[in-house]
Every structure is written in structure tokens, then in C-alpha cells.
Protein backbone atom coordinates (compact mmCIF):
# COMPACT_ATOMS: atom_id res chain seq x y z
CA UNK A 1 106.55 83.86 121.63
CA UNK A 2 103.27 84.42 121.68
CA UNK A 3 101.00 85.22 118.64
CA UNK A 4 97.79 87.09 118.91
CA UNK A 5 96.46 86.70 114.86
CA UNK A 6 97.58 83.63 112.43
CA UNK A 7 97.93 84.93 108.68
CA UNK A 8 97.74 82.40 106.40
CA UNK A 9 98.66 82.25 102.37
CA UNK A 10 96.02 79.88 100.59
CA UNK A 11 96.98 78.73 97.21
CA UNK A 12 99.44 76.09 97.91
CA UNK A 13 99.45 76.55 101.69
CA UNK A 14 95.83 75.54 103.07
CA UNK A 15 94.92 74.01 99.45
CA UNK A 16 96.50 72.08 97.02
CA UNK A 17 96.50 74.15 93.87
CA UNK A 18 98.41 72.17 91.53
CA UNK A 19 96.81 69.09 92.14
CA UNK A 20 93.18 70.70 91.14
CA UNK A 21 95.19 72.63 87.99
CA UNK A 22 96.27 69.28 86.71
CA UNK A 23 92.71 67.78 87.41
CA UNK A 24 91.28 70.74 84.99
CA UNK A 25 94.07 70.14 82.70
CA UNK A 26 92.79 66.87 82.52
CA UNK A 27 89.44 67.76 81.99
CA UNK A 28 90.42 70.18 78.93
CA UNK A 29 92.05 67.55 77.32
CA UNK A 30 89.35 65.13 77.54
CA UNK A 31 87.18 67.82 76.06
CA UNK A 32 89.48 67.70 72.93
CA UNK A 33 90.05 64.02 72.85
CA UNK A 34 93.69 64.66 73.55
CA UNK A 35 95.94 62.02 75.04
CA UNK A 36 96.65 62.50 78.95
CA UNK A 37 100.17 62.07 78.59
CA UNK A 38 101.07 65.93 78.31
CA UNK A 39 98.61 67.01 81.14
CA UNK A 40 101.48 67.40 83.63
CA UNK A 41 103.92 69.25 81.64
CA UNK A 42 100.84 71.76 80.07
CA UNK A 43 99.55 72.27 83.78
CA UNK A 44 103.22 73.42 84.64
CA UNK A 45 103.85 75.66 81.86
CA UNK A 46 100.21 76.95 82.53
CA UNK A 47 101.37 77.69 86.15
CA UNK A 48 104.80 79.46 85.13
CA UNK A 49 102.66 81.64 82.59
CA UNK A 50 100.39 82.79 85.49
CA UNK A 51 103.40 83.35 87.64
CA UNK A 52 104.89 85.75 85.16
CA UNK A 53 101.54 87.75 84.46
CA UNK A 54 100.89 87.91 88.73
CA UNK A 55 104.78 88.84 88.96
CA UNK A 56 104.29 91.80 86.36
CA UNK A 57 100.90 93.39 88.18
CA UNK A 58 103.08 92.96 91.34
CA UNK A 59 105.77 94.90 90.21
CA UNK A 60 103.83 97.44 88.47
CA UNK A 61 104.90 96.14 84.91
CA UNK A 62 101.33 95.67 84.24
CA UNK A 63 97.95 96.92 85.07
CA UNK A 64 95.52 95.36 87.69
CA UNK A 65 93.58 92.20 86.37
CA UNK A 66 92.08 89.69 88.81
CA UNK A 67 93.32 86.14 89.48
CA UNK A 68 90.52 84.59 87.69
CA UNK A 69 91.22 86.83 84.83
CA UNK A 70 95.23 86.46 84.53
CA UNK A 71 94.63 82.50 84.64
CA UNK A 72 92.24 82.39 81.69
CA UNK A 73 94.82 84.94 80.00
CA UNK A 74 97.73 82.49 80.78
CA UNK A 75 95.72 79.43 79.87
CA UNK A 76 95.16 81.19 76.38
CA UNK A 77 99.22 81.78 75.99
CA UNK A 78 99.98 78.11 76.51
CA UNK A 79 97.32 77.31 74.22
CA UNK A 80 98.53 79.48 71.24
CA UNK A 81 101.94 77.95 71.65
CA UNK A 82 100.63 74.29 72.02
CA UNK A 83 100.62 72.81 68.46
CA UNK A 84 97.14 70.87 69.12
CA UNK A 85 95.78 74.10 71.25
CA UNK A 86 93.09 74.96 68.74
CA UNK A 87 91.45 71.90 69.99
CA UNK A 88 90.09 73.47 73.04
CA UNK A 89 86.86 75.39 72.92
CA UNK A 90 86.56 78.74 74.61
CA UNK A 91 84.11 77.40 76.74
CA UNK A 92 86.06 74.63 77.89
CA UNK A 93 89.18 77.11 78.46
CA UNK A 94 86.93 79.71 80.38
CA UNK A 95 85.65 76.63 82.84
CA UNK A 96 89.20 75.14 82.97
CA UNK A 97 90.44 78.75 84.40
CA UNK A 98 88.09 78.56 87.25
CA UNK A 99 89.61 75.68 88.60
CA UNK A 100 89.95 77.85 91.86
CA UNK A 101 86.55 77.02 92.97
CA UNK A 102 87.20 73.46 92.56
CA UNK A 103 90.46 73.36 94.43
CA UNK A 104 90.62 70.95 97.78
CA UNK A 105 92.51 71.57 101.19
CA UNK A 106 95.23 69.58 102.06
CA UNK A 107 93.79 67.05 104.62
CA UNK A 108 94.57 68.75 107.73
CA UNK A 109 93.62 72.56 106.89
CA UNK A 110 90.03 72.89 107.93
CA UNK A 111 90.45 71.00 110.83
CA UNK A 112 93.75 72.79 111.74
CA UNK A 113 92.08 76.31 111.18
CA UNK A 114 89.14 75.72 112.84
CA UNK A 115 91.23 74.47 115.85
CA UNK A 116 93.37 78.19 115.68
CA UNK A 117 89.99 79.99 114.99
CA UNK A 118 88.86 78.93 118.15
CA UNK A 119 91.23 81.33 120.04
CA UNK A 120 92.47 83.79 117.84
CA UNK A 121 91.66 85.61 114.48
CA UNK A 122 92.83 83.54 111.71
CA UNK A 123 93.16 85.71 108.26
CA UNK A 124 93.27 84.43 104.83
CA UNK A 125 95.76 86.57 102.86
CA UNK A 126 95.40 85.57 99.34
CA UNK A 127 96.05 86.05 95.66
CA UNK A 128 93.03 84.36 94.72
CA UNK A 129 90.30 86.23 93.06
CA UNK A 130 87.28 87.22 96.10
CA UNK A 131 84.36 85.38 94.49
CA UNK A 132 86.51 82.20 94.01
CA UNK A 133 88.15 82.33 96.89
CA UNK A 134 84.77 82.67 98.96
CA UNK A 135 83.15 79.84 97.05
CA UNK A 136 85.92 77.45 97.68
CA UNK A 137 86.17 78.32 101.10
CA UNK A 138 82.23 77.95 101.93
CA UNK A 139 82.32 74.54 99.99
CA UNK A 140 85.05 73.08 101.64
CA UNK A 141 84.48 74.37 105.29
CA UNK A 142 87.18 76.81 105.47
CA UNK A 143 85.79 79.03 107.91
CA UNK A 144 88.23 82.46 108.22
CA UNK A 145 88.00 85.66 110.25
CA UNK A 146 88.28 87.44 107.58
CA UNK A 147 89.60 86.83 103.80
CA UNK A 148 91.34 89.55 102.07
CA UNK A 149 92.15 89.10 98.47
CA UNK A 150 94.05 90.62 96.24
CA UNK A 151 90.91 92.10 94.41
CA UNK A 152 90.78 94.54 97.52
CA UNK A 153 94.21 95.96 96.82
CA UNK A 154 94.41 95.55 93.03
CA UNK A 155 97.90 94.27 93.04
CA UNK A 156 99.16 90.74 94.11
CA UNK A 157 101.64 89.52 96.67
CA UNK A 158 104.50 90.14 96.58
CA UNK A 159 103.71 93.94 96.56
CA UNK A 160 103.85 95.71 100.00
CA UNK A 161 100.59 96.97 100.01
CA UNK A 162 99.05 93.40 100.10
CA UNK A 163 100.99 93.07 103.75
CA UNK A 164 100.31 96.52 104.68
CA UNK A 165 96.25 95.96 104.17
CA UNK A 166 96.86 93.95 107.35
CA UNK A 167 97.91 96.43 109.28
CA UNK A 168 96.10 99.82 107.66
CA UNK A 169 93.02 98.08 108.49
CA UNK A 170 94.00 97.25 111.84
CA UNK A 171 93.76 93.71 111.73
CA UNK A 172 97.06 92.84 112.73
CA UNK A 173 100.30 93.82 114.51
CA UNK A 174 103.14 92.31 112.88
CA UNK A 175 105.52 91.23 116.00
CA UNK A 176 102.99 89.84 117.59
CA UNK A 177 101.23 88.02 114.10
CA UNK A 178 102.41 84.82 112.71
CA UNK A 179 102.53 84.52 108.77
CA UNK A 180 102.29 81.03 107.51
CA UNK A 181 102.76 80.25 103.67
CA UNK A 182 104.55 77.58 101.88
CA UNK A 183 105.89 79.98 99.52
CA UNK A 184 109.50 81.36 100.97
CA UNK A 185 108.86 84.62 98.62
CA UNK A 186 106.01 85.28 100.11
CA UNK A 187 107.54 84.68 103.88
CA UNK A 188 110.61 86.61 102.95
CA UNK A 189 108.12 89.75 102.20
CA UNK A 190 106.32 89.46 105.28
CA UNK A 191 109.22 89.43 107.25
CA UNK A 192 110.59 92.53 105.89
CA UNK A 193 107.12 93.84 107.43
CA UNK A 194 108.45 92.43 110.55
CA UNK A 195 105.98 89.50 110.49
CA UNK A 196 106.99 86.14 112.39
CA UNK A 197 107.38 83.23 109.83
CA UNK A 198 106.12 80.00 109.41
CA UNK A 199 107.23 77.79 106.44
CA UNK A 200 105.02 74.86 105.88
CA UNK A 201 106.99 72.01 104.30
CA UNK A 202 104.46 71.10 101.18
CA UNK A 203 105.43 68.80 99.07
CA UNK A 204 108.24 70.22 96.74
CA UNK A 205 108.93 72.84 99.03
CA UNK A 206 112.62 72.88 100.50
CA UNK A 207 113.32 73.15 103.89
CA UNK A 208 115.21 76.57 104.18
CA UNK A 209 116.76 78.15 107.32
CA UNK A 210 115.84 82.23 108.07
CA UNK A 211 111.76 81.40 109.33
CA UNK A 212 110.63 81.67 112.72
CA UNK A 213 109.28 78.32 112.74
CA UNK A 214 109.42 75.06 109.96
CA UNK A 215 106.35 72.46 109.97
CA UNK A 216 105.47 69.92 107.93
CA UNK A 217 101.86 71.05 107.80
CA UNK A 218 99.43 73.14 109.36
CA UNK A 219 98.85 70.50 112.66
CA UNK A 220 102.47 71.62 113.16
CA UNK A 221 101.08 75.01 113.31
CA UNK A 222 98.75 73.94 115.78
CA UNK A 223 101.47 72.29 117.71
CA UNK A 224 103.48 75.36 118.35
CA UNK A 225 100.06 77.09 120.20
CA UNK A 226 99.49 73.86 121.94
CA UNK A 227 103.33 74.14 123.22
CA UNK A 228 103.23 77.52 123.98
CA UNK A 229 99.93 77.27 126.21
CA UNK A 230 101.56 74.57 128.25
């Protein structure tokens, strides 16, 4: 099977969002003179609160807010529940919530995307805020044929409108497009829209059946195309 277009989820798939959130949390704790012992647990709770808010928007149970706004809202929610949360300044929390600009790609991501883009369109389809994702991509050297953000659709994956954006704009024909993500829920919805799927086994991602391809990293995606060409 050959693919004309490759579509990538970004957060967690191409870049290490979890590590960046932990760094932002550590900086937030340091700004208030708090021990770093609870950084990992706090970052996880923040991530879970953010996911709940994003899910509410995607499921049309809440109105539209950008990813950056939701990131800050989730952080404030966690701080309100935290006994020592009052020690964080509003400025420090606002800065922490923009950690998306400081996310780093996984080691092979820039190289792999450059290799793929040399032969075909490579599209980013991300829940991230457009300005933040554009700045992060510029800083890290991630070069996309096109970057489509949730801001463009005013909802989040897995809302079907995110996936339909690719076809409504004539960017991709699902049956000849490979959709790459490290999130089974993302690929499941993509498959419902007839995209071919590749699950990237980033740390903590279980190898699950039901996808067209399983790869350890983005070099594995490059290898798929090399094998097809050979």
C-alpha cells in the first residue's frame, strides 16, 4: 500500500508533551520555593484535568476555548485543590501554562519529518493552539507542509470535524493517507473516517491490534515508505 499524504498528531507523537509539562511544573514549584517531590504527581493531575476540559469541548458539552486557555484553566483548577497552591503567583501560572512553546521533539522527529516531506505532503493535525504550535515548530525546526490547529475548527480531536477538515479543504483523501499518532483514541476516530493508521509506541503506549502499522518511533514511518519504494 502506498500513501500520498502523511498526517501527524503532534502532542505526544512528534513532541514529548509530558516531559515539557513536568519541566514547567518544576519551574512553577521552584518559583514558590516548594519541594520538587510532588512535581510528577502534580503534572499528572494537571494533564488529567486538561484532558477532561478538552473532552468536554470535543463532545460539545462546553463552549470553545483555545488549548492554551484550557491549559491555564486546568492548572488553576488543580491549584485550587492543592493545599499549598496559593503560593503560586498568577504570573508564574500563566507562564507555566504556555509550556507548549518549550516542548522538544522526540530525538528522531525532525529528521524523519524532513525525510517524509521530501517526497509527499506532511500535515500536522493538532489540538494545540495555532500560535503556540507555530512557534514551537519554528524553534525546533519541525517543517510541515501545512499545520492545522484546533483553532481552525474551534473544537478538539476526537470531534469528527477535526478529521473532516482534511477532506473539506481537499488536503487529503483518507484511503491514501496515513494517519500517525501515539494515541489509540485518535487513530480510532481517524479509522472511522477511512484513514489508514499507524500507532507510534511512545513510552507508556501499549501495543494494540487493529491498526495498519505499529512502529517504535517516526523512523519506523520512514522505513514503511522506504520498503514500499524498494
